[in-house]
Every structure is written in C-alpha cells, then in structure tokens.
Amino acid sequence: MIKQQDVNNFINGQIILSNQARMEIISPIDGSAISSLPMSQKSDLDKAVEAAQKAFVTWSEKTLKDRVQVFFRYRQLLENNLEELAELVRIENGKTMDEAKAEVFKSMELCEFAVSMPQIVTNEIQEVSKGVECRIERKPLGVIACITPFNFPNMVPHWTVPNAIVLGNTVILKPSELVPLSAMRMAELLKEAGLPDGVFNVVNGGKEIVEAICDHPDIKATSFVGSTRVAKIVYKRASSNLQRCVALGGAKNHLIVLPDANLEMTANNVVASMAGCAGQRCMAASVMVGVDNIQHIINKMIEEAKKVIPGENLGSVISKEAKERIERYITEAEAQGAKILIDGRNAFVKGFENGFYVGPTIIDFVTPDMAIAKEEIFGPVIAIIRAKDVDEALKIENNSNYGNAASVFTESGAMAKRVMEGASAGMIGVNIGVPVPREPFSFGGWNESKFGVGDITGKSSIEFWTQNKKTTTKWNPEDKRDWMS
C-alpha cells in the first residue's frame, strides 16, 4: 500500500503535532504499515474541549438555517472527492472499492437528512389560556463527543456529526485507532466547507482518550459504536458522570428462512448479508434459522457463496488477530459436530499473501448452545440452525442476548407478521438481509445491542442532541386573572 501522511490531532481548525507515543496503522489488505497516529493523553482532549467550548458560544447563536449551509457545501465536497475518500476507506479498513464507495454515498445521505432539519425541527407554540402563550424551543447541549469503530470509518462518524453540529453543538470525534485516516480527511473537508474553527475536532488515541471523554465534566453527551463489552463500560462510565450517552454494541442477527421463500432472492440476500463488508457490520447475517425443509435454499446458498472470492469481491478483515479469532470459532464449531459446507479458513490472495482474509463460510447443523451460535463473530460466517417451525425459530432468536436485527424470508404474509411481532430486535426485515432503516427513520437495536434512550440517527437523534426550553408569556393585564397569572 502507498504510505500515507502521518496522522496527528485536529483541534481548533488546525492539525496539531503531538509528542505522544505513536502507533503504526496497518493496512489489512497486505499487512503493511501505511501511517502512524499519536496515542493522545487527557491533556490533548482538554485542549480540544476548550476550543469546542469557545466555538459553541457563537455557533449555537446562529440560526438553524445558517448552520445547515455548511453541510450543503460539505455534502458536495464528499461527492467531489468520492474516489479519494473511498480509497482511504479501502486501504485502512480493507473493504472492496465498491463497498467503500457505497459507504461514502451513505455519508452523503446522512448529510442530506441533516440539511433538512429546518423543515423538521420547528418550535411549538400554543395559546394555553386567554392571552397566555406557551412556547417550546430546542436548544443545543454544548460540547459533545463521538467515539466510532473501525468497520465504517467514513459512515459511522456521519451518524452523529452532521446532526449534532447542525443542531448547534460542537463536537470531539475520537475515531478507532485502527482507521483514523478518513476522520482526518473529514475534518479538512468540513473546514473547506466553511465550518468555523473549534466546532469540529479530532483527538486520536486509544483507551485512555475514551476514558477521558467519559469522565470530562465539560462534555455534555457521548455517542459510542463498538462492541457490547465496551459499550456497557462507556455507557456506565459516561452516565455516572452525568453525561447523556447512547452506546451501540454488537449483534447476533438471525435470519429465519421458511421453505416457501423465493429461492434466488433468499440465497442471494443471505450470502450478501453474511459476506458483505467481510461480515464486519453490526447488521450482518450471523445465524440462519432454517424452518422445516430448506435444503434447496442451502444448496443455492453454497452455489452463490462460491462466487464470493477473497481479494476480488470480498475484502479483508481488519487485523491478523481478527482473522485468527474468526477461524478459531469455525474450528471449534467443526470439533463440536457442526458441518462445514463452505470453508473460508486459510484464504489466500495472490500478491497480498500478508493480508488478513477469511473466505465466505457456511456451517450447517449448528446447535444453539455452540459459541458460534451465541457470540458475535464479525466475519463472513453464517451458522445454520435447524428448527421444526416458526415458534421454535423465534424461541432461538429470542434467546439471544443481542437485539440489533432479525429478518424473515417467506412468501406468507401471515408468517412474516408472526416474525415481525415476535422477534426481539430493534430492526426487522422481511425478505431483506440487511434491514437498515433509511433516513428519517432511526438506527438502533434492542437488548445488549444498545444502551441508553433514543437512537443515533434520524428523527430520534434530534431529541438526544437537544434540550427543550419552555417559555410562558402574558401581556394582557386587563384579562381576568386565572391560575396562569
């Protein structure tokens, strides 16, 4: 991979050189070092918060209509720089170029929702008594923080940043230390779009910065996306320090497949859901619960999975450690009696022998007690559990600790409705392998896939990133006195 410029922090509109210890950034495509970043300390965060506090004073006073103008220009810059932005995603995350471009397109869509805010966020006014008027206005919180994962280095920051800034807040972004390149380019483009200095800041680093964000008395709210284990820690720590917090965790998404499901559509959707983005997305299919006789669908899935080729239309996983962990789950399931129908272990990509690749993997006759059926794999792997009927399938789905997504594949409206009502997940699909809501609908799961109130995108995010100011006025002393007087 082509070596990139070393990463530093972005504070108050400037790239700030750091004297802290540095960590190499490894491209998962070929295992080479492509850059480095500083492992920042609390003092670096303090400088970013100070800059954001100063910027908040003037930024929050601007009208909503004025604030969205920046994101009109910024959205166009995303489009103008599509190839470059997608290439950054590809080299730091390992996605295919098509997947990387799709990620940037989704970021554009998130900006489009943000610029629609003047039509959505309107004040409420009502005459509640003779000559007495009540008014509710939405006001920003102040300095907020956004902690993002490695799997979508361009898109996931856009779940928070456009909405939070348009609503009048100022932001500290802490990207995953594995993929900081996209975040830094985002900062440069926002500045080019006219965002005032200090409104958006990037502080790079690891665990120490996450803890400092959760503890900082001047950060009013934090959004987090990552594993469930860390999401729990962040939510507890941030909320115990009186911050608002929404923390999205992991997933174990179940696809319930009935025998009457459309053969082509089901096989294509299940394989695409399982293998897209190398399975490194919290909406990926992880468990397929086959109801009754679905062997014909499994046979078609095998046929489709053979078309998914590492290094061509299947990207790498994020690290050597991730590859080893995924392959351990496969090996363990096989040792416990599951049958490997398609084996992605020991994937080899010519010319990229040191890359971190796992091929598409389909495992049949998995039982609900196996680790591969219960734990998040985060790779291009699907476990098939057999069920005699929909009630048993739903019981299997309901027993999961997670609750991000669930889908059903069937031609029966009655069966689809049964799963829609009975699945314990925040996002449901019918004949859709990746049921991600589009704006203005919000993204967010249930159970141990999300901690906190509200969702991270769409209309639900408006409530999270603002607070209500209620004003009651009376200008008519001649009117009869009542309880409102």
Protein backbone atom coordinates (compact mmCIF):
# COMPACT_ATOMS: atom_id res chain seq x y z
CA MET A 1 0.00 0.00 0.00
CA ILE A 2 1.09 3.59 -0.62
CA LYS A 3 2.33 5.18 2.59
CA GLN A 4 0.07 7.96 3.84
CA GLN A 5 0.96 11.11 5.74
CA ASP A 6 1.29 10.54 9.49
CA VAL A 7 -1.86 11.34 11.46
CA ASN A 8 -1.99 13.94 14.23
CA ASN A 9 -4.88 15.66 16.02
CA PHE A 10 -7.20 18.29 14.58
CA ILE A 11 -8.03 20.98 17.15
CA ASN A 12 -9.48 24.44 16.62
CA GLY A 13 -9.20 24.16 12.84
CA GLN A 14 -5.52 23.19 12.87
CA ILE A 15 -3.53 19.98 12.63
CA ILE A 16 -1.73 19.78 15.96
CA LEU A 17 1.56 17.88 16.11
CA SER A 18 1.74 15.57 19.09
CA ASN A 19 4.78 14.49 21.09
CA GLN A 20 2.98 11.43 22.45
CA ALA A 21 3.97 7.86 21.71
CA ARG A 22 2.81 6.75 18.27
CA MET A 23 1.14 3.61 16.94
CA GLU A 24 1.51 2.21 13.43
CA ILE A 25 -1.56 2.00 11.22
CA ILE A 26 -1.61 -1.34 9.37
CA SER A 27 -3.49 -1.87 6.12
CA PRO A 28 -5.37 -5.18 6.36
CA ILE A 29 -5.13 -5.57 2.59
CA ASP A 30 -1.46 -6.54 2.69
CA GLY A 31 -0.35 -6.18 6.31
CA SER A 32 1.89 -3.18 5.59
CA ALA A 33 2.31 -0.07 7.76
CA ILE A 34 0.71 2.88 5.97
CA SER A 35 0.86 5.63 8.60
CA SER A 36 1.01 6.27 12.34
CA LEU A 37 -1.06 8.14 14.89
CA PRO A 38 -0.46 9.65 18.34
CA MET A 39 -1.73 7.86 21.44
CA SER A 40 -3.06 11.11 22.87
CA GLN A 41 -3.40 11.89 26.55
CA LYS A 42 -6.05 13.67 28.61
CA SER A 43 -4.22 16.99 28.12
CA ASP A 44 -4.83 16.71 24.36
CA LEU A 45 -8.53 16.16 24.97
CA ASP A 46 -8.63 19.15 27.33
CA LYS A 47 -7.30 21.40 24.54
CA ALA A 48 -9.97 20.12 22.14
CA VAL A 49 -12.75 20.64 24.68
CA GLU A 50 -11.54 24.16 25.41
CA ALA A 51 -11.61 25.01 21.70
CA ALA A 52 -15.07 23.46 21.33
CA GLN A 53 -16.40 25.42 24.30
CA LYS A 54 -15.23 28.71 22.84
CA ALA A 55 -16.67 27.86 19.43
CA PHE A 56 -20.01 26.86 20.98
CA VAL A 57 -20.73 30.40 22.11
CA THR A 58 -21.03 31.79 18.58
CA TRP A 59 -22.01 28.59 16.74
CA SER A 60 -25.03 27.95 18.97
CA GLU A 61 -26.28 31.52 18.42
CA LYS A 62 -26.55 31.02 14.66
CA THR A 63 -29.93 30.09 13.27
CA LEU A 64 -30.60 26.52 12.24
CA LYS A 65 -30.94 27.70 8.65
CA ASP A 66 -27.48 29.30 8.79
CA ARG A 67 -25.86 26.20 10.30
CA VAL A 68 -27.13 23.81 7.64
CA GLN A 69 -25.46 25.83 4.88
CA VAL A 70 -22.11 24.30 5.84
CA PHE A 71 -23.46 20.81 5.23
CA PHE A 72 -24.94 21.73 1.85
CA ARG A 73 -21.38 22.59 0.80
CA TYR A 74 -19.82 19.68 2.67
CA ARG A 75 -22.13 17.12 1.07
CA GLN A 76 -20.99 18.37 -2.35
CA LEU A 77 -17.36 18.03 -1.27
CA LEU A 78 -18.00 14.40 -0.33
CA GLU A 79 -19.28 13.82 -3.83
CA ASN A 80 -16.44 15.74 -5.47
CA ASN A 81 -13.87 13.70 -3.52
CA LEU A 82 -15.64 10.34 -3.75
CA GLU A 83 -12.74 8.39 -5.26
CA GLU A 84 -10.19 9.70 -2.76
CA LEU A 85 -12.47 9.13 0.24
CA ALA A 86 -13.35 5.61 -0.90
CA GLU A 87 -9.68 4.81 -1.41
CA LEU A 88 -8.92 5.89 2.17
CA VAL A 89 -11.66 3.56 3.45
CA ARG A 90 -10.31 0.74 1.28
CA ILE A 91 -6.70 0.95 2.40
CA GLU A 92 -7.34 1.45 6.12
CA ASN A 93 -10.35 -0.89 6.51
CA GLY A 94 -9.88 -3.48 3.76
CA LYS A 95 -13.26 -3.09 2.03
CA THR A 96 -13.63 -3.56 -1.69
CA MET A 97 -13.72 -0.32 -3.66
CA ASP A 98 -17.43 -0.75 -4.41
CA GLU A 99 -18.20 -1.19 -0.70
CA ALA A 100 -16.05 1.82 0.17
CA LYS A 101 -17.89 4.00 -2.36
CA ALA A 102 -21.24 2.80 -1.01
CA GLU A 103 -20.11 3.89 2.45
CA VAL A 104 -19.33 7.42 1.26
CA PHE A 105 -22.68 7.58 -0.56
CA LYS A 106 -24.37 6.72 2.74
CA SER A 107 -22.47 9.59 4.39
CA MET A 108 -23.90 11.91 1.73
CA GLU A 109 -27.39 10.65 2.55
CA LEU A 110 -26.82 11.35 6.24
CA CYS A 111 -25.81 14.92 5.35
CA GLU A 112 -28.97 15.28 3.26
CA PHE A 113 -31.05 14.46 6.32
CA ALA A 114 -29.10 16.96 8.42
CA VAL A 115 -29.75 19.80 5.97
CA SER A 116 -33.49 19.03 6.13
CA MET A 117 -33.56 19.97 9.83
CA PRO A 118 -35.12 23.44 9.31
CA GLN A 119 -38.19 21.65 7.91
CA ILE A 120 -38.27 19.12 10.77
CA VAL A 121 -37.16 20.96 13.91
CA THR A 122 -39.82 23.59 14.42
CA ASN A 123 -40.82 25.36 17.60
CA GLU A 124 -44.15 24.57 19.25
CA ILE A 125 -46.42 27.50 20.18
CA GLN A 126 -49.89 27.37 21.68
CA GLU A 127 -52.26 29.79 23.44
CA VAL A 128 -52.90 27.77 26.57
CA SER A 129 -55.12 30.27 28.34
CA LYS A 130 -56.72 33.61 27.49
CA GLY A 131 -53.79 35.81 26.46
CA VAL A 132 -51.22 33.29 27.70
CA GLU A 133 -48.84 31.64 25.25
CA CYS A 134 -46.53 28.66 25.81
CA ARG A 135 -43.53 28.03 23.54
CA ILE A 136 -41.02 25.17 23.29
CA GLU A 137 -37.67 25.69 21.56
CA ARG A 138 -34.95 23.09 21.02
CA LYS A 139 -31.53 24.22 22.24
CA PRO A 140 -28.14 22.51 21.79
CA LEU A 141 -26.40 20.79 24.69
CA GLY A 142 -22.86 22.16 24.27
CA VAL A 143 -19.70 20.13 23.66
CA ILE A 144 -20.45 16.51 22.72
CA ALA A 145 -18.22 13.54 21.89
CA CYS A 146 -18.44 10.82 19.28
CA ILE A 147 -16.47 7.54 19.61
CA THR A 148 -16.51 5.47 16.43
CA PRO A 149 -15.40 1.94 15.38
CA PHE A 150 -13.16 0.52 12.66
CA ASN A 151 -15.79 -1.07 10.45
CA PHE A 152 -17.22 2.07 8.80
CA PRO A 153 -14.52 4.77 9.14
CA ASN A 154 -16.38 7.26 6.94
CA MET A 155 -20.07 6.49 7.53
CA VAL A 156 -20.37 5.97 11.29
CA PRO A 157 -18.94 9.40 12.22
CA HIS A 158 -21.67 10.81 9.95
CA TRP A 159 -24.31 9.09 12.09
CA THR A 160 -23.53 11.71 14.76
CA VAL A 161 -21.53 14.64 13.41
CA PRO A 162 -23.91 16.31 10.88
CA ASN A 163 -27.00 16.13 13.11
CA ALA A 164 -25.20 17.18 16.29
CA ILE A 165 -23.46 20.14 14.64
CA VAL A 166 -26.50 21.34 12.68
CA LEU A 167 -28.47 21.32 15.95
CA GLY A 168 -25.91 23.74 17.42
CA ASN A 169 -23.47 21.53 19.32
CA THR A 170 -19.70 21.39 18.93
CA VAL A 171 -18.01 18.02 18.55
CA ILE A 172 -14.98 15.98 19.60
CA LEU A 173 -14.52 12.90 17.40
CA LYS A 174 -12.40 10.01 18.64
CA PRO A 175 -12.10 7.54 15.73
CA SER A 176 -10.86 3.97 16.08
CA GLU A 177 -7.10 3.95 16.30
CA LEU A 178 -7.13 1.33 13.52
CA VAL A 179 -8.74 3.67 10.93
CA PRO A 180 -8.05 7.37 11.60
CA LEU A 181 -7.35 8.47 8.00
CA SER A 182 -10.98 9.02 6.99
CA ALA A 183 -11.72 11.06 10.11
CA MET A 184 -8.83 13.43 9.45
CA ARG A 185 -9.92 13.99 5.84
CA MET A 186 -13.43 14.63 7.12
CA ALA A 187 -12.05 17.41 9.34
CA GLU A 188 -10.25 19.03 6.41
CA LEU A 189 -13.36 18.95 4.20
CA LEU A 190 -15.58 20.42 6.91
CA LYS A 191 -13.13 23.29 7.28
CA GLU A 192 -13.15 23.74 3.49
CA ALA A 193 -16.97 23.82 3.62
CA GLY A 194 -16.79 26.80 5.97
CA LEU A 195 -17.28 25.23 9.39
CA PRO A 196 -15.82 27.64 11.97
CA ASP A 197 -12.69 26.59 13.83
CA GLY A 198 -13.34 24.64 17.02
CA VAL A 199 -16.78 23.36 16.04
CA PHE A 200 -15.33 20.00 14.94
CA ASN A 201 -12.21 18.48 16.48
CA VAL A 202 -10.49 15.10 16.18
CA VAL A 203 -8.48 13.56 19.03
CA ASN A 204 -6.75 10.29 18.17
CA GLY A 205 -5.70 7.62 20.61
CA GLY A 206 -6.84 4.54 22.47
CA LYS A 207 -8.48 3.52 25.73
CA GLU A 208 -7.11 6.48 27.70
CA ILE A 209 -8.93 9.01 25.48
CA VAL A 210 -12.20 7.04 25.66
CA GLU A 211 -12.00 7.08 29.46
CA ALA A 212 -11.12 10.78 29.49
CA ILE A 213 -14.16 11.55 27.30
CA CYS A 214 -16.46 9.64 29.68
CA ASP A 215 -15.00 11.49 32.69
CA HIS A 216 -14.78 15.01 31.26
CA PRO A 217 -17.04 17.43 33.17
CA ASP A 218 -17.46 19.75 30.17
CA ILE A 219 -18.64 17.08 27.71
CA LYS A 220 -22.44 17.01 27.84
CA ALA A 221 -23.19 13.88 25.79
CA THR A 222 -21.40 10.98 24.12
CA SER A 223 -22.30 8.59 21.32
CA PHE A 224 -20.42 5.31 21.05
CA VAL A 225 -20.40 2.50 18.48
CA GLY A 226 -18.39 -0.67 19.08
CA SER A 227 -18.50 -4.00 20.88
CA THR A 228 -21.11 -4.73 23.55
CA ARG A 229 -18.42 -5.27 26.17
CA VAL A 230 -17.02 -1.77 25.66
CA ALA A 231 -20.45 -0.19 25.04
CA LYS A 232 -21.53 -1.26 28.54
CA ILE A 233 -18.40 0.24 30.08
CA VAL A 234 -18.75 3.52 28.18
CA TYR A 235 -22.45 3.85 28.97
CA LYS A 236 -21.97 3.19 32.69
CA ARG A 237 -18.95 5.46 32.99
CA ALA A 238 -20.33 8.38 30.95
CA SER A 239 -23.77 8.30 32.56
CA SER A 240 -22.26 8.02 36.05
CA ASN A 241 -20.51 11.31 35.23
CA LEU A 242 -23.91 12.85 34.36
CA GLN A 243 -23.44 12.78 30.59
CA ARG A 244 -26.15 11.76 28.19
CA CYS A 245 -24.98 8.60 26.44
CA VAL A 246 -26.19 6.29 23.71
CA ALA A 247 -23.86 3.33 23.17
CA LEU A 248 -24.39 0.86 20.35
CA GLY A 249 -22.91 -2.59 20.88
CA GLY A 250 -22.57 -5.83 18.99
CA ALA A 251 -25.10 -8.12 17.37
CA LYS A 252 -26.02 -11.69 16.53
CA ASN A 253 -28.56 -11.20 13.78
CA HIS A 254 -30.91 -14.07 12.95
CA LEU A 255 -32.43 -14.71 9.53
CA ILE A 256 -35.45 -17.02 9.76
CA VAL A 257 -35.90 -18.84 6.45
CA LEU A 258 -39.10 -20.71 5.59
CA PRO A 259 -39.40 -23.38 2.86
CA ASP A 260 -41.67 -21.19 0.71
CA ALA A 261 -39.10 -18.38 0.49
CA ASN A 262 -38.15 -17.25 -3.02
CA LEU A 263 -35.11 -19.37 -3.84
CA GLU A 264 -32.98 -16.89 -5.81
CA MET A 265 -33.76 -13.84 -3.71
CA THR A 266 -33.24 -15.62 -0.41
CA ALA A 267 -29.94 -17.27 -1.31
CA ASN A 268 -28.56 -14.02 -2.78
CA ASN A 269 -29.69 -11.92 0.19
CA VAL A 270 -28.42 -14.30 2.86
CA VAL A 271 -24.98 -14.66 1.27
CA ALA A 272 -24.70 -10.90 0.61
CA SER A 273 -25.72 -10.15 4.20
CA MET A 274 -23.23 -12.65 5.57
CA ALA A 275 -20.26 -11.73 3.36
CA GLY A 276 -20.77 -8.01 2.59
CA CYS A 277 -18.04 -5.84 4.15
CA ALA A 278 -16.38 -9.16 5.11
CA GLY A 279 -19.14 -9.64 7.68
CA GLN A 280 -17.78 -6.71 9.70
CA ARG A 281 -21.03 -4.85 10.22
CA CYS A 282 -23.46 -4.99 13.11
CA MET A 283 -26.34 -5.71 10.69
CA ALA A 284 -24.69 -8.71 9.01
CA ALA A 285 -26.45 -12.08 8.96
CA SER A 286 -24.80 -14.30 11.56
CA VAL A 287 -27.31 -17.10 12.21
CA MET A 288 -29.76 -18.58 9.72
CA VAL A 289 -32.60 -20.46 11.35
CA GLY A 290 -33.96 -22.86 8.75
CA VAL A 291 -37.57 -23.87 9.34
CA ASP A 292 -38.52 -27.40 8.25
CA ASN A 293 -37.04 -28.49 4.90
CA ILE A 294 -34.91 -25.69 3.47
CA GLN A 295 -32.17 -27.86 1.92
CA HIS A 296 -32.89 -26.46 -1.56
CA ILE A 297 -32.16 -22.96 -0.26
CA ILE A 298 -28.93 -24.08 1.44
CA ASN A 299 -27.78 -25.72 -1.80
CA LYS A 300 -28.36 -22.44 -3.64
CA MET A 301 -26.51 -20.50 -0.92
CA ILE A 302 -23.47 -22.74 -1.41
CA GLU A 303 -23.62 -22.04 -5.13
CA GLU A 304 -23.77 -18.27 -4.52
CA ALA A 305 -21.05 -18.31 -1.83
CA LYS A 306 -18.63 -19.91 -4.29
CA LYS A 307 -18.89 -16.72 -6.35
CA VAL A 308 -17.54 -14.64 -3.44
CA ILE A 309 -13.76 -14.51 -3.92
CA PRO A 310 -11.36 -13.02 -1.34
CA GLY A 311 -9.37 -10.17 -2.85
CA GLU A 312 -11.89 -9.70 -5.67
CA ASN A 313 -15.43 -9.13 -4.39
CA LEU A 314 -14.64 -9.91 -0.74
CA GLY A 315 -12.42 -7.60 1.26
CA SER A 316 -10.15 -8.38 4.19
CA VAL A 317 -10.98 -8.46 7.87
CA ILE A 318 -9.42 -5.71 9.96
CA SER A 319 -6.42 -7.45 11.53
CA LYS A 320 -4.40 -10.63 11.96
CA GLU A 321 -5.99 -11.04 15.39
CA ALA A 322 -9.49 -10.78 13.90
CA LYS A 323 -8.65 -13.41 11.25
CA GLU A 324 -7.30 -15.80 13.88
CA ARG A 325 -10.32 -15.28 16.15
CA ILE A 326 -12.84 -15.91 13.33
CA GLU A 327 -11.04 -19.07 12.24
CA ARG A 328 -10.96 -20.34 15.85
CA TYR A 329 -14.76 -20.10 16.00
CA ILE A 330 -15.04 -22.14 12.78
CA THR A 331 -12.61 -24.80 14.02
CA GLU A 332 -14.37 -25.06 17.37
CA ALA A 333 -17.79 -25.48 15.74
CA GLU A 334 -16.43 -28.22 13.50
CA ALA A 335 -14.94 -30.02 16.51
CA GLN A 336 -18.33 -29.86 18.24
CA GLY A 337 -20.08 -31.64 15.36
CA ALA A 338 -21.18 -28.85 13.01
CA LYS A 339 -20.69 -29.47 9.28
CA ILE A 340 -18.60 -27.01 7.25
CA LEU A 341 -20.30 -26.60 3.87
CA ILE A 342 -18.06 -23.78 2.61
CA ASP A 343 -14.74 -23.27 4.43
CA GLY A 344 -13.14 -19.82 4.41
CA ARG A 345 -10.17 -20.65 6.60
CA ASN A 346 -6.65 -20.18 5.23
CA ALA A 347 -7.82 -17.89 2.43
CA PHE A 348 -5.02 -16.98 0.03
CA VAL A 349 -4.90 -13.89 -2.18
CA LYS A 350 -2.09 -13.84 -4.70
CA GLY A 351 0.02 -10.72 -4.38
CA PHE A 352 -1.43 -9.98 -0.93
CA GLU A 353 -0.14 -13.01 0.95
CA ASN A 354 0.29 -10.99 4.17
CA GLY A 355 -3.27 -9.61 4.09
CA PHE A 356 -5.95 -10.64 6.54
CA TYR A 357 -8.52 -12.59 4.54
CA VAL A 358 -11.25 -15.04 5.55
CA GLY A 359 -13.35 -16.60 2.80
CA PRO A 360 -17.14 -16.99 2.94
CA THR A 361 -18.05 -19.75 5.40
CA ILE A 362 -21.33 -21.65 5.73
CA ILE A 363 -21.70 -24.00 8.70
CA ASP A 364 -24.69 -26.38 8.99
CA PHE A 365 -26.13 -28.38 11.88
CA VAL A 366 -25.09 -25.81 14.45
CA THR A 367 -26.84 -26.13 17.81
CA PRO A 368 -27.96 -23.14 19.90
CA ASP A 369 -25.51 -23.94 22.70
CA MET A 370 -22.40 -23.61 20.49
CA ALA A 371 -20.29 -20.46 20.82
CA ILE A 372 -20.60 -19.79 17.09
CA ALA A 373 -24.39 -19.61 17.57
CA LYS A 374 -24.26 -17.22 20.53
CA GLU A 375 -21.24 -14.93 20.20
CA GLU A 376 -20.52 -12.16 17.73
CA ILE A 377 -18.09 -13.44 15.07
CA PHE A 378 -17.72 -10.27 12.96
CA GLY A 379 -16.60 -12.12 9.87
CA PRO A 380 -18.07 -13.63 6.66
CA VAL A 381 -19.50 -16.63 8.50
CA ILE A 382 -23.07 -17.88 8.86
CA ALA A 383 -24.21 -20.64 11.19
CA ILE A 384 -27.31 -22.64 10.24
CA ILE A 385 -29.58 -23.90 13.00
CA ARG A 386 -32.50 -26.18 12.10
CA ALA A 387 -35.98 -25.57 13.58
CA LYS A 388 -39.21 -27.53 13.14
CA ASP A 389 -41.49 -24.48 12.98
CA VAL A 390 -41.62 -20.69 13.30
CA ASP A 391 -42.33 -20.81 17.04
CA GLU A 392 -39.12 -22.76 17.64
CA ALA A 393 -37.23 -20.38 15.34
CA LEU A 394 -38.49 -17.38 17.28
CA LYS A 395 -37.53 -19.01 20.57
CA ILE A 396 -33.97 -19.41 19.26
CA GLU A 397 -33.90 -15.76 18.14
CA ASN A 398 -35.41 -14.50 21.41
CA ASN A 399 -32.80 -16.35 23.48
CA SER A 400 -30.00 -14.22 22.03
CA ASN A 401 -28.57 -11.58 24.34
CA TYR A 402 -28.40 -9.22 21.39
CA GLY A 403 -31.21 -7.48 19.52
CA ASN A 404 -29.96 -5.43 16.61
CA ALA A 405 -31.72 -7.03 13.66
CA ALA A 406 -33.80 -10.02 12.61
CA SER A 407 -35.24 -10.96 9.22
CA VAL A 408 -37.68 -13.47 7.83
CA PHE A 409 -37.73 -14.89 4.30
CA THR A 410 -41.13 -16.18 3.22
CA GLU A 411 -43.93 -15.68 0.72
CA SER A 412 -46.53 -15.86 3.51
CA GLY A 413 -47.79 -12.56 4.89
CA ALA A 414 -49.10 -14.32 8.00
CA MET A 415 -45.73 -15.91 8.77
CA ALA A 416 -43.93 -12.61 8.11
CA LYS A 417 -46.27 -10.85 10.53
CA ARG A 418 -45.67 -13.55 13.13
CA VAL A 419 -41.91 -12.89 12.99
CA MET A 420 -42.29 -9.12 12.81
CA GLU A 421 -44.30 -9.18 16.04
CA GLY A 422 -42.35 -11.91 17.83
CA ALA A 423 -38.69 -11.15 17.09
CA SER A 424 -36.76 -9.43 19.89
CA ALA A 425 -34.83 -6.91 17.81
CA GLY A 426 -34.98 -3.21 17.09
CA MET A 427 -34.76 -3.52 13.29
CA ILE A 428 -36.79 -6.12 11.38
CA GLY A 429 -36.57 -7.21 7.75
CA VAL A 430 -38.99 -9.12 5.55
CA ASN A 431 -37.15 -10.68 2.61
CA ILE A 432 -34.28 -8.27 3.29
CA GLY A 433 -30.91 -9.48 4.55
CA VAL A 434 -29.67 -6.15 5.95
CA PRO A 435 -32.72 -4.25 7.29
CA VAL A 436 -31.04 -0.90 7.90
CA PRO A 437 -33.63 1.91 8.10
CA ARG A 438 -33.10 4.88 5.81
CA GLU A 439 -33.44 8.47 6.99
CA PRO A 440 -35.61 9.88 8.50
CA PHE A 441 -36.09 6.51 10.25
CA SER A 442 -33.66 5.87 13.08
CA PHE A 443 -30.94 3.24 13.51
CA GLY A 444 -30.81 1.38 16.81
CA GLY A 445 -31.23 -2.06 18.31
CA TRP A 446 -32.59 -3.60 21.49
CA ASN A 447 -31.28 -5.65 24.42
CA GLU A 448 -27.46 -5.77 24.58
CA SER A 449 -27.11 -4.17 21.16
CA LYS A 450 -27.90 -0.71 22.56
CA PHE A 451 -27.57 1.10 25.87
CA GLY A 452 -29.30 4.40 26.52
CA VAL A 453 -32.50 6.07 25.42
CA GLY A 454 -33.13 7.12 21.82
CA ASP A 455 -31.43 6.19 18.58
CA ILE A 456 -28.27 7.52 16.98
CA THR A 457 -29.64 8.64 13.61
CA GLY A 458 -32.82 10.02 12.05
CA LYS A 459 -35.57 11.88 13.85
CA SER A 460 -34.88 10.13 17.15
CA SER A 461 -31.43 11.72 17.30
CA ILE A 462 -32.94 15.22 17.42
CA GLU A 463 -34.26 14.60 20.92
CA PHE A 464 -30.90 13.22 22.03
CA TRP A 465 -28.78 16.14 20.79
CA THR A 466 -31.03 18.94 22.08
CA GLN A 467 -32.81 20.09 25.21
CA ASN A 468 -36.16 21.85 25.43
CA LYS A 469 -36.54 25.44 26.62
CA LYS A 470 -40.13 26.22 27.68
CA THR A 471 -41.32 29.84 27.76
CA THR A 472 -44.69 31.10 29.03
CA THR A 473 -45.72 34.72 28.28
CA LYS A 474 -48.63 37.00 29.24
CA TRP A 475 -49.01 40.61 28.05
CA ASN A 476 -52.64 41.36 28.88
CA PRO A 477 -53.08 42.59 32.47
CA GLU A 478 -56.67 43.58 31.72
CA ASP A 479 -57.76 39.96 31.24
CA LYS A 480 -59.36 38.01 34.06
CA ARG A 481 -56.87 36.51 36.48
CA ASP A 482 -56.64 32.74 36.45
CA TRP A 483 -54.17 30.05 37.55
CA MET A 484 -51.77 31.02 34.75
CA SER A 485 -51.46 34.52 36.21
